[in-house]
């Protein structure tokens, strides 16, 4: 990788009228997905749908509270199902960088490299503190079975 940059004389930046919001930056999304896999997915892995649901819930506190209530069986309704292209891009990046691996059953899990990345994030108590706190509250309570139930209800009632 170092040899790639040896031939670069200069790096040019193009001034843009607006900065990219933090939650659309690839580095943030990769870190967020790593934390989701580490803190809210069991050893069996995590579906892409679960990654999308939790990533969305991390964006808004009200959505996370609804998701936590659903995961703890305090409510049987969960409607915010949205698909974020930034999650897909970050997932592909993390797969390409060998931070994630896709299992034969289609679920994703952290590799050793991803686990080391998460441990570095955990070392700094201020880094992604809000995300870590919310994921600790959710823990492993949102199961793949509950997600399948949501999807079947959603498909039939909103199709």
Protein backbone atom coordinates (compact mmCIF):
# COMPACT_ATOMS: atom_id res chain seq x y z
CA UNK A 1 0.00 0.00 0.00
CA UNK A 2 2.87 2.40 0.76
CA UNK A 3 4.27 1.94 -2.75
CA UNK A 4 1.00 3.18 -4.19
CA UNK A 5 1.57 6.63 -2.71
CA UNK A 6 5.29 6.81 -3.50
CA UNK A 7 4.53 7.95 -7.04
CA UNK A 8 2.12 10.68 -5.99
CA UNK A 9 3.64 14.14 -6.23
CA UNK A 10 0.74 16.09 -4.83
CA UNK A 11 -2.82 15.64 -3.72
CA UNK A 12 -5.46 18.02 -5.02
CA UNK A 13 -8.60 18.87 -3.10
CA UNK A 14 -11.64 20.32 -4.75
CA UNK A 15 -13.47 22.86 -2.65
CA UNK A 16 -17.13 21.89 -2.30
CA UNK A 17 -19.94 24.16 -1.16
CA UNK A 18 -20.97 21.85 1.70
CA UNK A 19 -19.15 19.25 3.73
CA UNK A 20 -20.37 15.66 3.81
CA UNK A 21 -22.35 15.07 7.02
CA UNK A 22 -20.56 12.78 9.46
CA UNK A 23 -23.15 10.01 9.22
CA UNK A 24 -22.53 9.66 5.46
CA UNK A 25 -18.74 9.45 5.74
CA UNK A 26 -17.40 6.00 4.97
CA UNK A 27 -15.03 5.99 7.95
CA UNK A 28 -17.87 6.75 10.38
CA UNK A 29 -20.21 4.15 8.86
CA UNK A 30 -17.52 1.43 8.92
CA UNK A 31 -16.82 2.20 12.58
CA UNK A 32 -20.55 2.22 13.34
CA UNK A 33 -21.10 -1.14 11.62
CA UNK A 34 -18.13 -2.64 13.45
CA UNK A 35 -19.61 -1.51 16.76
CA UNK A 36 -23.02 -2.93 15.80
CA UNK A 37 -21.48 -6.30 14.98
CA UNK A 38 -19.43 -6.31 18.17
CA UNK A 39 -22.09 -5.13 20.62
CA UNK A 40 -25.47 -6.13 19.17
CA UNK A 41 -24.90 -9.26 17.15
CA UNK A 42 -24.24 -12.65 18.61
CA UNK A 43 -21.46 -14.97 17.62
CA UNK A 44 -23.71 -16.34 14.87
CA UNK A 45 -23.47 -13.15 12.85
CA UNK A 46 -25.73 -10.35 11.70
CA UNK A 47 -27.99 -9.89 8.68
CA UNK A 48 -27.75 -6.87 6.44
CA UNK A 49 -31.30 -5.98 7.44
CA UNK A 50 -30.32 -5.90 11.10
CA UNK A 51 -27.34 -3.68 10.26
CA UNK A 52 -29.66 -1.25 8.45
CA UNK A 53 -32.21 -1.23 11.27
CA UNK A 54 -29.70 -0.59 14.02
CA UNK A 55 -27.76 1.96 11.97
CA UNK A 56 -30.97 3.91 11.39
CA UNK A 57 -31.88 3.68 15.08
CA UNK A 58 -28.48 5.10 16.03
CA UNK A 59 -29.27 8.21 14.00
CA UNK A 60 -32.30 9.22 16.06
CA UNK A 61 -32.71 8.62 19.79
CA UNK A 62 -36.47 8.20 19.41
CA UNK A 63 -35.95 5.42 16.84
CA UNK A 64 -33.47 3.68 19.14
CA UNK A 65 -35.93 3.83 22.03
CA UNK A 66 -38.61 2.23 19.84
CA UNK A 67 -36.17 -0.46 18.72
CA UNK A 68 -35.08 -1.19 22.30
CA UNK A 69 -38.71 -1.44 23.39
CA UNK A 70 -39.41 -3.82 20.52
CA UNK A 71 -36.33 -5.93 21.30
CA UNK A 72 -37.39 -6.14 24.98
CA UNK A 73 -40.97 -7.15 24.02
CA UNK A 74 -42.44 -3.96 25.49
CA UNK A 75 -44.12 -3.23 22.14
CA UNK A 76 -45.02 -5.36 19.15
CA UNK A 77 -44.89 -2.59 16.60
CA UNK A 78 -41.81 -1.43 14.82
CA UNK A 79 -42.21 0.59 11.65
CA UNK A 80 -38.99 2.48 10.81
CA UNK A 81 -37.51 0.26 8.13
CA UNK A 82 -35.35 2.26 5.76
CA UNK A 83 -32.39 1.28 3.68
CA UNK A 84 -29.39 3.59 3.67
CA UNK A 85 -27.00 3.38 0.71
CA UNK A 86 -24.21 4.56 3.03
CA UNK A 87 -24.59 1.33 5.02
CA UNK A 88 -24.21 -0.73 1.84
CA UNK A 89 -21.12 1.23 0.78
CA UNK A 90 -19.54 0.88 4.22
CA UNK A 91 -20.35 -2.82 4.30
CA UNK A 92 -18.66 -3.34 0.93
CA UNK A 93 -15.67 -1.31 2.06
CA UNK A 94 -15.36 -3.31 5.29
CA UNK A 95 -15.60 -6.58 3.35
CA UNK A 96 -12.94 -5.38 0.92
CA UNK A 97 -10.70 -4.33 3.79
CA UNK A 98 -11.20 -7.72 5.51
CA UNK A 99 -12.81 -6.20 8.59
CA UNK A 100 -15.97 -8.24 7.99
CA UNK A 101 -16.55 -11.68 6.58
CA UNK A 102 -19.73 -13.04 5.08
CA UNK A 103 -20.61 -16.49 6.30
CA UNK A 104 -22.14 -19.24 4.16
CA UNK A 105 -25.57 -18.45 5.67
CA UNK A 106 -25.31 -14.83 4.41
CA UNK A 107 -24.77 -13.28 7.83
CA UNK A 108 -21.84 -10.97 8.53
CA UNK A 109 -19.33 -11.21 11.35
CA UNK A 110 -16.22 -9.34 12.46
CA UNK A 111 -12.84 -10.70 11.51
CA UNK A 112 -9.82 -10.41 13.80
CA UNK A 113 -8.96 -7.14 12.05
CA UNK A 114 -12.46 -5.81 12.74
CA UNK A 115 -12.27 -6.90 16.37
CA UNK A 116 -8.97 -5.04 16.79
CA UNK A 117 -10.58 -1.94 15.26
CA UNK A 118 -13.48 -2.16 17.74
CA UNK A 119 -11.07 -2.56 20.66
CA UNK A 120 -9.29 0.64 19.55
CA UNK A 121 -12.64 2.47 19.46
CA UNK A 122 -13.51 1.11 22.92
CA UNK A 123 -10.19 2.34 24.36
CA UNK A 124 -11.24 5.96 23.85
CA UNK A 125 -14.25 6.65 26.09
CA UNK A 126 -15.17 9.83 24.19
CA UNK A 127 -15.00 8.29 20.72
CA UNK A 128 -18.50 7.33 19.53
CA UNK A 129 -19.70 7.43 23.15
CA UNK A 130 -23.36 7.95 22.21
CA UNK A 131 -23.31 5.00 19.82
CA UNK A 132 -21.59 2.73 22.34
CA UNK A 133 -24.09 3.64 25.05
CA UNK A 134 -27.10 2.98 22.82
CA UNK A 135 -25.69 -0.30 21.53
CA UNK A 136 -24.99 -1.44 25.08
CA UNK A 137 -28.65 -0.74 25.88
CA UNK A 138 -29.80 -2.78 22.90
CA UNK A 139 -27.22 -5.52 23.43
CA UNK A 140 -28.10 -8.85 21.73
CA UNK A 141 -31.84 -8.52 22.38
CA UNK A 142 -32.81 -7.84 18.75
CA UNK A 143 -32.78 -11.35 17.32
CA UNK A 144 -32.90 -12.40 13.68
CA UNK A 145 -36.23 -14.12 14.44
CA UNK A 146 -37.75 -10.80 15.56
CA UNK A 147 -36.46 -9.15 12.41
CA UNK A 148 -38.06 -11.86 10.26
CA UNK A 149 -41.35 -11.26 12.06
CA UNK A 150 -41.11 -7.52 11.36
CA UNK A 151 -40.33 -8.15 7.71
CA UNK A 152 -43.22 -10.56 7.21
CA UNK A 153 -45.65 -8.09 8.81
CA UNK A 154 -44.17 -5.22 6.84
CA UNK A 155 -44.34 -7.08 3.51
CA UNK A 156 -47.97 -8.06 3.92
CA UNK A 157 -49.31 -4.89 5.49
CA UNK A 158 -47.35 -2.30 3.48
CA UNK A 159 -46.99 -3.98 0.10
